[in-house]
Amino acid sequence: MPKATEVLSFPKVGNIAPAFSLANQAGKTISLKDFRDKKHVALYFYPKAMTPGCTVQACGIRDTKASLSRQKIVVLGISPDPVKRLQKFRDKESLNFDLLSDEDHAIADKYGVWALKKFMGREFMGIHRITFIIGKDGRLKHVMEKVNTKTHHDDVLEVIKSL
C-alpha cells in the first residue's frame, strides 16, 4: 500500500498495461486481455458511484457510446464500489458500458491511482480520477491525468484520434 506522502506513479507509456480481471456490475469477470487485438480500451478510475462528478462523467460516456464504438473504443470504469452498488448506478443512469469493482483497490494500486486525497479539509486514501488509454496491442498509449468530468468522453475520442 502506498504511503500517504507518495505522489501518483503511473505505469510507463509504451509498456504493456497492467493486467486485471475484475467483476463487473453483474458479477461477470472482465479481463483486459478480452480486448487484445480487438479494441482500444479507455480505462477510467473514478472515486465513487452515484456521486455528482462521477455521474456526469458516466452519463457523458453513455451518451457518446456510438461514437466511441465507431473508433473501436471500449470504456471500462473502475471504482472501489461493491458489485451491488455498481449495478444500482448502472440501472439508475441507464449506463451502457461495464463498471468494474476494485474493492481492495489492488488494480488502482497497480495503476498508481490509489493515493492521498484532500477534500473539505480532511486527508484520506482514495482513487484519483485518471484515465488510461490502452491500445489494441495491450500497450499503454496515453495517461489522462487532468480529467474534466463534463468533457471526458470527448477528450477520450480526441486522444484516440491523435494516436
N, C-alpha and C. Protein backbone atom coordinates (compact mmCIF):
# COMPACT_ATOMS: atom_id res chain seq x y z
N MET A 1 0.84 -1.19 0.00
CA MET A 1 0.00 0.00 0.00
C MET A 1 0.88 1.25 0.00
N PRO A 2 0.56 2.23 -0.87
CA PRO A 2 1.39 3.43 -0.92
C PRO A 2 1.35 4.19 0.41
N LYS A 3 2.44 4.85 0.70
CA LYS A 3 2.46 5.72 1.87
C LYS A 3 1.69 6.98 1.54
N ALA A 4 1.11 7.58 2.52
CA ALA A 4 0.28 8.76 2.32
C ALA A 4 1.06 9.92 1.70
N THR A 5 2.37 9.92 1.77
CA THR A 5 3.16 11.03 1.24
C THR A 5 3.58 10.81 -0.21
N GLU A 6 3.34 9.63 -0.74
CA GLU A 6 3.76 9.33 -2.11
C GLU A 6 2.95 10.11 -3.13
N VAL A 7 3.61 10.46 -4.23
CA VAL A 7 2.91 11.08 -5.35
C VAL A 7 2.41 9.98 -6.27
N LEU A 8 1.49 10.33 -7.15
CA LEU A 8 0.98 9.36 -8.09
C LEU A 8 2.10 8.87 -9.00
N SER A 9 2.14 7.58 -9.23
CA SER A 9 3.17 6.98 -10.07
C SER A 9 2.50 5.96 -10.99
N PHE A 10 2.38 6.33 -12.25
CA PHE A 10 1.65 5.51 -13.22
C PHE A 10 2.57 4.56 -13.95
N PRO A 11 1.99 3.50 -14.55
CA PRO A 11 2.78 2.64 -15.44
C PRO A 11 3.31 3.51 -16.60
N LYS A 12 4.41 3.10 -17.17
CA LYS A 12 5.06 3.88 -18.22
C LYS A 12 4.35 3.72 -19.56
N VAL A 13 4.09 4.85 -20.22
CA VAL A 13 3.51 4.82 -21.56
C VAL A 13 4.46 4.04 -22.47
N GLY A 14 3.90 3.14 -23.26
CA GLY A 14 4.69 2.29 -24.15
C GLY A 14 4.85 0.88 -23.62
N ASN A 15 4.71 0.71 -22.32
CA ASN A 15 4.79 -0.62 -21.71
C ASN A 15 3.44 -1.32 -21.80
N ILE A 16 3.48 -2.64 -21.63
CA ILE A 16 2.23 -3.40 -21.55
C ILE A 16 1.47 -2.92 -20.31
N ALA A 17 0.18 -2.64 -20.49
CA ALA A 17 -0.65 -2.18 -19.38
C ALA A 17 -0.80 -3.30 -18.35
N PRO A 18 -0.82 -2.96 -17.07
CA PRO A 18 -1.02 -3.98 -16.04
C PRO A 18 -2.32 -4.77 -16.27
N ALA A 19 -2.20 -6.08 -16.22
CA ALA A 19 -3.35 -6.97 -16.44
C ALA A 19 -4.30 -6.89 -15.26
N PHE A 20 -5.56 -7.19 -15.54
CA PHE A 20 -6.54 -7.29 -14.46
C PHE A 20 -7.70 -8.16 -14.90
N SER A 21 -8.38 -8.70 -13.93
CA SER A 21 -9.64 -9.41 -14.08
C SER A 21 -10.49 -9.00 -12.89
N LEU A 22 -11.61 -8.33 -13.16
CA LEU A 22 -12.48 -7.83 -12.10
C LEU A 22 -13.93 -8.14 -12.43
N ALA A 23 -14.75 -8.20 -11.39
CA ALA A 23 -16.19 -8.41 -11.57
C ALA A 23 -16.84 -7.12 -12.03
N ASN A 24 -17.73 -7.25 -13.02
CA ASN A 24 -18.50 -6.08 -13.44
C ASN A 24 -19.76 -5.95 -12.59
N GLN A 25 -20.62 -5.03 -12.97
CA GLN A 25 -21.84 -4.75 -12.19
C GLN A 25 -22.75 -5.96 -12.07
N ALA A 26 -22.64 -6.92 -12.99
CA ALA A 26 -23.48 -8.12 -12.94
C ALA A 26 -22.75 -9.31 -12.31
N GLY A 27 -21.52 -9.08 -11.86
CA GLY A 27 -20.75 -10.16 -11.25
C GLY A 27 -19.94 -10.97 -12.26
N LYS A 28 -19.99 -10.61 -13.54
CA LYS A 28 -19.24 -11.30 -14.60
C LYS A 28 -17.79 -10.79 -14.60
N THR A 29 -16.84 -11.70 -14.74
CA THR A 29 -15.43 -11.31 -14.77
C THR A 29 -15.05 -10.73 -16.12
N ILE A 30 -14.48 -9.54 -16.08
CA ILE A 30 -13.99 -8.86 -17.28
C ILE A 30 -12.48 -8.73 -17.12
N SER A 31 -11.74 -9.11 -18.16
CA SER A 31 -10.28 -9.04 -18.13
C SER A 31 -9.79 -8.12 -19.23
N LEU A 32 -8.70 -7.44 -18.99
CA LEU A 32 -8.11 -6.57 -20.01
C LEU A 32 -7.78 -7.37 -21.27
N LYS A 33 -7.31 -8.59 -21.10
CA LYS A 33 -6.92 -9.42 -22.25
C LYS A 33 -8.10 -9.74 -23.17
N ASP A 34 -9.34 -9.58 -22.68
CA ASP A 34 -10.52 -9.84 -23.51
C ASP A 34 -10.57 -8.93 -24.74
N PHE A 35 -9.89 -7.79 -24.69
CA PHE A 35 -9.97 -6.80 -25.76
C PHE A 35 -8.73 -6.75 -26.64
N ARG A 36 -7.74 -7.55 -26.31
CA ARG A 36 -6.47 -7.56 -27.04
C ARG A 36 -6.71 -7.83 -28.52
N ASP A 37 -6.09 -7.04 -29.37
CA ASP A 37 -6.18 -7.14 -30.83
C ASP A 37 -7.57 -6.83 -31.37
N LYS A 38 -8.48 -6.34 -30.53
CA LYS A 38 -9.85 -6.06 -30.98
C LYS A 38 -10.21 -4.59 -30.84
N LYS A 39 -9.93 -4.05 -29.66
CA LYS A 39 -10.38 -2.69 -29.36
C LYS A 39 -9.35 -1.94 -28.52
N HIS A 40 -9.40 -0.61 -28.63
CA HIS A 40 -8.68 0.24 -27.69
C HIS A 40 -9.50 0.22 -26.40
N VAL A 41 -8.85 0.40 -25.28
CA VAL A 41 -9.56 0.44 -24.01
C VAL A 41 -9.31 1.79 -23.34
N ALA A 42 -10.40 2.47 -22.99
CA ALA A 42 -10.31 3.67 -22.17
C ALA A 42 -10.67 3.19 -20.77
N LEU A 43 -9.66 3.05 -19.94
CA LEU A 43 -9.82 2.55 -18.58
C LEU A 43 -9.83 3.74 -17.65
N TYR A 44 -11.01 4.03 -17.11
CA TYR A 44 -11.07 5.21 -16.25
C TYR A 44 -11.38 4.83 -14.81
N PHE A 45 -10.62 5.44 -13.93
CA PHE A 45 -10.80 5.24 -12.50
C PHE A 45 -11.60 6.43 -11.96
N TYR A 46 -12.58 6.12 -11.12
CA TYR A 46 -13.41 7.16 -10.53
C TYR A 46 -13.63 6.82 -9.06
N PRO A 47 -13.81 7.85 -8.24
CA PRO A 47 -13.87 7.62 -6.79
C PRO A 47 -15.08 6.85 -6.26
N LYS A 48 -16.29 7.20 -6.70
CA LYS A 48 -17.46 6.57 -6.07
C LYS A 48 -18.69 6.71 -6.96
N ALA A 49 -19.37 5.58 -7.18
CA ALA A 49 -20.59 5.58 -7.96
C ALA A 49 -21.67 6.43 -7.32
N MET A 50 -22.48 7.03 -8.15
CA MET A 50 -23.66 7.80 -7.76
C MET A 50 -23.32 9.10 -7.03
N THR A 51 -22.13 9.62 -7.24
CA THR A 51 -21.80 10.95 -6.73
C THR A 51 -21.89 11.91 -7.92
N PRO A 52 -22.05 13.20 -7.68
CA PRO A 52 -22.30 14.13 -8.79
C PRO A 52 -21.28 14.09 -9.93
N GLY A 53 -20.00 14.23 -9.62
CA GLY A 53 -18.98 14.23 -10.68
C GLY A 53 -18.89 12.92 -11.42
N CYS A 54 -18.98 11.83 -10.69
CA CYS A 54 -18.90 10.50 -11.31
C CYS A 54 -20.12 10.23 -12.19
N THR A 55 -21.27 10.76 -11.80
CA THR A 55 -22.48 10.60 -12.60
C THR A 55 -22.38 11.38 -13.90
N VAL A 56 -21.92 12.62 -13.83
CA VAL A 56 -21.74 13.44 -15.04
C VAL A 56 -20.77 12.74 -16.00
N GLN A 57 -19.67 12.25 -15.48
CA GLN A 57 -18.67 11.57 -16.29
C GLN A 57 -19.25 10.32 -16.96
N ALA A 58 -19.94 9.49 -16.19
CA ALA A 58 -20.51 8.25 -16.72
C ALA A 58 -21.61 8.53 -17.75
N CYS A 59 -22.43 9.52 -17.51
CA CYS A 59 -23.50 9.83 -18.45
C CYS A 59 -22.95 10.38 -19.77
N GLY A 60 -21.86 11.11 -19.72
CA GLY A 60 -21.21 11.57 -20.95
C GLY A 60 -20.72 10.40 -21.79
N ILE A 61 -20.17 9.41 -21.13
CA ILE A 61 -19.71 8.21 -21.84
C ILE A 61 -20.92 7.47 -22.42
N ARG A 62 -21.95 7.32 -21.61
CA ARG A 62 -23.18 6.67 -22.07
C ARG A 62 -23.71 7.33 -23.35
N ASP A 63 -23.74 8.66 -23.34
CA ASP A 63 -24.34 9.40 -24.45
C ASP A 63 -23.48 9.42 -25.72
N THR A 64 -22.21 9.07 -25.61
CA THR A 64 -21.33 9.06 -26.79
C THR A 64 -20.87 7.65 -27.13
N LYS A 65 -21.56 6.65 -26.61
CA LYS A 65 -21.13 5.26 -26.85
C LYS A 65 -21.03 4.93 -28.34
N ALA A 66 -21.95 5.42 -29.15
CA ALA A 66 -21.91 5.12 -30.58
C ALA A 66 -20.63 5.67 -31.22
N SER A 67 -20.26 6.89 -30.88
CA SER A 67 -19.03 7.49 -31.42
C SER A 67 -17.80 6.74 -30.94
N LEU A 68 -17.80 6.35 -29.68
CA LEU A 68 -16.68 5.59 -29.12
C LEU A 68 -16.57 4.23 -29.82
N SER A 69 -17.70 3.58 -30.03
CA SER A 69 -17.70 2.27 -30.69
C SER A 69 -17.18 2.36 -32.12
N ARG A 70 -17.55 3.44 -32.83
CA ARG A 70 -17.07 3.63 -34.21
C ARG A 70 -15.54 3.72 -34.25
N GLN A 71 -14.95 4.23 -33.19
CA GLN A 71 -13.49 4.35 -33.11
C GLN A 71 -12.86 3.09 -32.51
N LYS A 72 -13.67 2.06 -32.32
CA LYS A 72 -13.23 0.78 -31.73
C LYS A 72 -12.64 0.99 -30.33
N ILE A 73 -13.39 1.75 -29.52
CA ILE A 73 -13.01 2.02 -28.14
C ILE A 73 -14.03 1.38 -27.22
N VAL A 74 -13.55 0.60 -26.26
CA VAL A 74 -14.41 0.11 -25.19
C VAL A 74 -14.03 0.88 -23.94
N VAL A 75 -15.01 1.32 -23.20
CA VAL A 75 -14.78 2.07 -21.97
C VAL A 75 -15.08 1.17 -20.78
N LEU A 76 -14.18 1.15 -19.83
CA LEU A 76 -14.36 0.41 -18.59
C LEU A 76 -14.12 1.38 -17.44
N GLY A 77 -15.08 1.46 -16.53
CA GLY A 77 -14.93 2.30 -15.35
C GLY A 77 -14.58 1.43 -14.15
N ILE A 78 -13.61 1.87 -13.36
CA ILE A 78 -13.20 1.13 -12.17
C ILE A 78 -13.32 2.02 -10.94
N SER A 79 -13.96 1.46 -9.90
CA SER A 79 -14.06 2.16 -8.62
C SER A 79 -13.98 1.12 -7.50
N PRO A 80 -13.81 1.58 -6.27
CA PRO A 80 -13.78 0.64 -5.15
C PRO A 80 -15.18 0.21 -4.67
N ASP A 81 -16.20 0.56 -5.43
CA ASP A 81 -17.57 0.21 -5.04
C ASP A 81 -17.82 -1.29 -5.16
N PRO A 82 -18.68 -1.84 -4.31
CA PRO A 82 -19.06 -3.26 -4.45
C PRO A 82 -19.95 -3.44 -5.69
N VAL A 83 -19.99 -4.67 -6.19
CA VAL A 83 -20.75 -5.01 -7.39
C VAL A 83 -22.20 -4.52 -7.30
N LYS A 84 -22.82 -4.73 -6.16
CA LYS A 84 -24.23 -4.36 -5.98
C LYS A 84 -24.46 -2.86 -6.22
N ARG A 85 -23.56 -2.04 -5.70
CA ARG A 85 -23.68 -0.58 -5.89
C ARG A 85 -23.47 -0.21 -7.36
N LEU A 86 -22.56 -0.91 -8.03
CA LEU A 86 -22.31 -0.63 -9.45
C LEU A 86 -23.56 -0.94 -10.28
N GLN A 87 -24.24 -2.05 -9.96
CA GLN A 87 -25.47 -2.40 -10.69
C GLN A 87 -26.54 -1.34 -10.46
N LYS A 88 -26.64 -0.86 -9.24
CA LYS A 88 -27.63 0.18 -8.91
C LYS A 88 -27.32 1.46 -9.70
N PHE A 89 -26.05 1.84 -9.77
CA PHE A 89 -25.61 3.01 -10.52
C PHE A 89 -25.92 2.84 -12.01
N ARG A 90 -25.60 1.69 -12.53
CA ARG A 90 -25.83 1.41 -13.96
C ARG A 90 -27.32 1.48 -14.28
N ASP A 91 -28.14 0.87 -13.44
CA ASP A 91 -29.59 0.88 -13.65
C ASP A 91 -30.15 2.30 -13.53
N LYS A 92 -29.76 3.01 -12.50
CA LYS A 92 -30.29 4.35 -12.24
C LYS A 92 -30.00 5.31 -13.38
N GLU A 93 -28.81 5.21 -13.96
CA GLU A 93 -28.39 6.15 -15.01
C GLU A 93 -28.47 5.56 -16.42
N SER A 94 -29.00 4.35 -16.55
CA SER A 94 -29.10 3.66 -17.85
C SER A 94 -27.75 3.61 -18.56
N LEU A 95 -26.71 3.26 -17.81
CA LEU A 95 -25.37 3.20 -18.39
C LEU A 95 -25.25 1.98 -19.30
N ASN A 96 -24.48 2.13 -20.36
CA ASN A 96 -24.37 1.10 -21.39
C ASN A 96 -22.94 0.59 -21.57
N PHE A 97 -22.18 0.60 -20.50
CA PHE A 97 -20.81 0.09 -20.51
C PHE A 97 -20.52 -0.52 -19.15
N ASP A 98 -19.45 -1.30 -19.09
CA ASP A 98 -19.14 -2.02 -17.86
C ASP A 98 -18.47 -1.15 -16.80
N LEU A 99 -18.92 -1.35 -15.58
CA LEU A 99 -18.31 -0.76 -14.39
C LEU A 99 -17.70 -1.93 -13.62
N LEU A 100 -16.46 -1.77 -13.19
CA LEU A 100 -15.75 -2.86 -12.53
C LEU A 100 -15.48 -2.54 -11.07
N SER A 101 -15.61 -3.56 -10.24
CA SER A 101 -15.44 -3.41 -8.80
C SER A 101 -14.02 -3.77 -8.38
N ASP A 102 -13.35 -2.81 -7.75
CA ASP A 102 -11.98 -2.98 -7.25
C ASP A 102 -11.98 -2.64 -5.76
N GLU A 103 -12.77 -3.42 -5.00
CA GLU A 103 -12.99 -3.10 -3.58
C GLU A 103 -11.71 -3.05 -2.76
N ASP A 104 -10.74 -3.90 -3.08
CA ASP A 104 -9.49 -3.88 -2.31
C ASP A 104 -8.45 -2.95 -2.93
N HIS A 105 -8.85 -2.21 -3.95
CA HIS A 105 -8.05 -1.25 -4.70
C HIS A 105 -6.72 -1.82 -5.21
N ALA A 106 -6.67 -3.13 -5.44
CA ALA A 106 -5.44 -3.76 -5.95
C ALA A 106 -5.09 -3.27 -7.35
N ILE A 107 -6.10 -3.09 -8.20
CA ILE A 107 -5.83 -2.63 -9.57
C ILE A 107 -5.52 -1.13 -9.54
N ALA A 108 -6.21 -0.40 -8.71
CA ALA A 108 -5.90 1.03 -8.55
C ALA A 108 -4.44 1.20 -8.10
N ASP A 109 -3.98 0.32 -7.22
CA ASP A 109 -2.58 0.34 -6.79
C ASP A 109 -1.65 0.07 -7.97
N LYS A 110 -1.98 -0.96 -8.78
CA LYS A 110 -1.15 -1.31 -9.94
C LYS A 110 -1.01 -0.14 -10.91
N TYR A 111 -2.10 0.62 -11.06
CA TYR A 111 -2.09 1.75 -11.99
C TYR A 111 -1.63 3.05 -11.34
N GLY A 112 -1.36 3.01 -10.05
CA GLY A 112 -0.82 4.17 -9.36
C GLY A 112 -1.82 5.27 -9.05
N VAL A 113 -3.10 4.94 -9.00
CA VAL A 113 -4.12 5.96 -8.78
C VAL A 113 -4.71 5.95 -7.36
N TRP A 114 -4.26 5.00 -6.53
CA TRP A 114 -4.70 4.96 -5.13
C TRP A 114 -3.66 5.72 -4.32
N ALA A 115 -4.05 6.87 -3.82
CA ALA A 115 -3.09 7.73 -3.11
C ALA A 115 -3.83 8.71 -2.21
N LEU A 116 -3.07 9.52 -1.53
CA LEU A 116 -3.62 10.51 -0.61
C LEU A 116 -4.47 11.52 -1.37
N LYS A 117 -5.63 11.81 -0.80
CA LYS A 117 -6.53 12.82 -1.35
C LYS A 117 -6.88 13.80 -0.25
N LYS A 118 -7.25 15.00 -0.66
CA LYS A 118 -7.70 16.01 0.28
C LYS A 118 -9.06 16.51 -0.18
N PHE A 119 -10.01 16.55 0.75
CA PHE A 119 -11.35 17.02 0.42
C PHE A 119 -11.97 17.64 1.66
N MET A 120 -12.41 18.87 1.53
CA MET A 120 -13.06 19.61 2.61
C MET A 120 -12.25 19.56 3.91
N GLY A 121 -10.96 19.79 3.78
CA GLY A 121 -10.10 19.88 4.95
C GLY A 121 -9.64 18.58 5.56
N ARG A 122 -10.04 17.44 4.98
CA ARG A 122 -9.55 16.19 5.55
C ARG A 122 -8.75 15.42 4.50
N GLU A 123 -7.84 14.60 5.00
CA GLU A 123 -6.99 13.79 4.14
C GLU A 123 -7.37 12.32 4.30
N PHE A 124 -7.35 11.60 3.20
CA PHE A 124 -7.68 10.18 3.22
C PHE A 124 -7.10 9.52 1.98
N MET A 125 -7.00 8.20 2.00
CA MET A 125 -6.55 7.46 0.83
C MET A 125 -7.76 7.16 -0.05
N GLY A 126 -7.57 7.31 -1.35
CA GLY A 126 -8.67 7.05 -2.27
C GLY A 126 -8.20 7.03 -3.71
N ILE A 127 -9.14 6.80 -4.61
CA ILE A 127 -8.85 6.74 -6.04
C ILE A 127 -8.86 8.14 -6.63
N HIS A 128 -7.83 8.43 -7.41
CA HIS A 128 -7.76 9.67 -8.17
C HIS A 128 -8.42 9.44 -9.52
N ARG A 129 -9.08 10.45 -10.03
CA ARG A 129 -9.80 10.37 -11.31
C ARG A 129 -8.79 10.48 -12.46
N ILE A 130 -8.38 9.33 -12.96
CA ILE A 130 -7.37 9.25 -14.02
C ILE A 130 -7.87 8.27 -15.08
N THR A 131 -7.56 8.55 -16.36
CA THR A 131 -7.94 7.65 -17.45
C THR A 131 -6.69 7.18 -18.18
N PHE A 132 -6.66 5.90 -18.48
CA PHE A 132 -5.57 5.28 -19.22
C PHE A 132 -6.10 4.81 -20.57
N ILE A 133 -5.41 5.18 -21.63
CA ILE A 133 -5.78 4.72 -22.97
C ILE A 133 -4.82 3.58 -23.31
N ILE A 134 -5.40 2.42 -23.56
CA ILE A 134 -4.62 1.21 -23.85
C ILE A 134 -4.92 0.80 -25.29
N GLY A 135 -3.86 0.58 -26.06
CA GLY A 135 -4.02 0.22 -27.46
C GLY A 135 -4.47 -1.21 -27.65
N LYS A 136 -4.84 -1.52 -28.87
CA LYS A 136 -5.25 -2.88 -29.21
C LYS A 136 -4.14 -3.89 -28.93
N ASP A 137 -2.90 -3.40 -28.94
CA ASP A 137 -1.74 -4.27 -28.69
C ASP A 137 -1.49 -4.49 -27.19
N GLY A 138 -2.33 -3.90 -26.34
CA GLY A 138 -2.19 -4.07 -24.89
C GLY A 138 -1.21 -3.12 -24.25
N ARG A 139 -0.65 -2.22 -25.05
CA ARG A 139 0.32 -1.25 -24.51
C ARG A 139 -0.38 0.05 -24.09
N LEU A 140 0.14 0.63 -23.03
CA LEU A 140 -0.38 1.90 -22.55
C LEU A 140 0.03 3.00 -23.54
N LYS A 141 -0.96 3.68 -24.09
CA LYS A 141 -0.71 4.71 -25.12
C LYS A 141 -0.72 6.13 -24.56
N HIS A 142 -1.54 6.35 -23.52
CA HIS A 142 -1.69 7.72 -23.03
C HIS A 142 -2.28 7.69 -21.62
N VAL A 143 -1.87 8.65 -20.80
CA VAL A 143 -2.44 8.82 -19.46
C VAL A 143 -3.09 10.19 -19.40
N MET A 144 -4.38 10.21 -19.10
CA MET A 144 -5.11 11.47 -18.95
C MET A 144 -5.18 11.78 -17.46
N GLU A 145 -4.27 12.65 -17.02
CA GLU A 145 -4.19 12.98 -15.59
C GLU A 145 -5.21 14.03 -15.18
N LYS A 146 -5.45 14.97 -16.03
CA LYS A 146 -6.39 16.05 -15.72
C LYS A 146 -7.71 15.74 -16.41
N VAL A 147 -8.61 15.10 -15.68
CA VAL A 147 -9.88 14.69 -16.25
C VAL A 147 -10.96 15.70 -15.87
N ASN A 148 -11.63 16.21 -16.89
CA ASN A 148 -12.78 17.07 -16.68
C ASN A 148 -14.01 16.19 -16.84
N THR A 149 -14.80 16.04 -15.80
CA THR A 149 -15.94 15.11 -15.85
C THR A 149 -16.94 15.48 -16.94
N LYS A 150 -17.07 16.77 -17.26
CA LYS A 150 -18.05 17.21 -18.25
C LYS A 150 -17.61 16.93 -19.68
N THR A 151 -16.31 16.87 -19.94
CA THR A 151 -15.82 16.69 -21.32
C THR A 151 -15.02 15.40 -21.49
N HIS A 152 -14.98 14.56 -20.49
CA HIS A 152 -14.16 13.35 -20.51
C HIS A 152 -14.39 12.51 -21.77
N HIS A 153 -15.65 12.27 -22.12
CA HIS A 153 -15.99 11.44 -23.28
C HIS A 153 -15.39 12.02 -24.57
N ASP A 154 -15.50 13.33 -24.77
CA ASP A 154 -14.93 13.97 -25.96
C ASP A 154 -13.41 13.95 -25.90
N ASP A 155 -12.86 14.14 -24.72
CA ASP A 155 -11.39 14.11 -24.56
C ASP A 155 -10.83 12.74 -24.91
N VAL A 156 -11.52 11.66 -24.51
CA VAL A 156 -11.09 10.31 -24.85
C VAL A 156 -11.07 10.14 -26.38
N LEU A 157 -12.13 10.59 -27.04
CA LEU A 157 -12.19 10.49 -28.51
C LEU A 157 -11.04 11.24 -29.17
N GLU A 158 -10.75 12.43 -28.67
CA GLU A 158 -9.64 13.22 -29.24
C GLU A 158 -8.31 12.53 -29.07
N VAL A 159 -8.07 11.95 -27.90
CA VAL A 159 -6.81 11.25 -27.66
C VAL A 159 -6.68 10.07 -28.62
N ILE A 160 -7.74 9.29 -28.77
CA ILE A 160 -7.70 8.12 -29.66
C ILE A 160 -7.43 8.57 -31.10
N LYS A 161 -8.08 9.62 -31.54
CA LYS A 161 -7.89 10.11 -32.91
C LYS A 161 -6.46 10.59 -33.13
N SER A 162 -5.82 11.08 -32.07
CA SER A 162 -4.46 11.60 -32.21
C SER A 162 -3.38 10.52 -32.18
N LEU A 163 -3.75 9.30 -31.82
CA LEU A 163 -2.74 8.24 -31.74
C LEU A 163 -2.40 7.67 -33.09
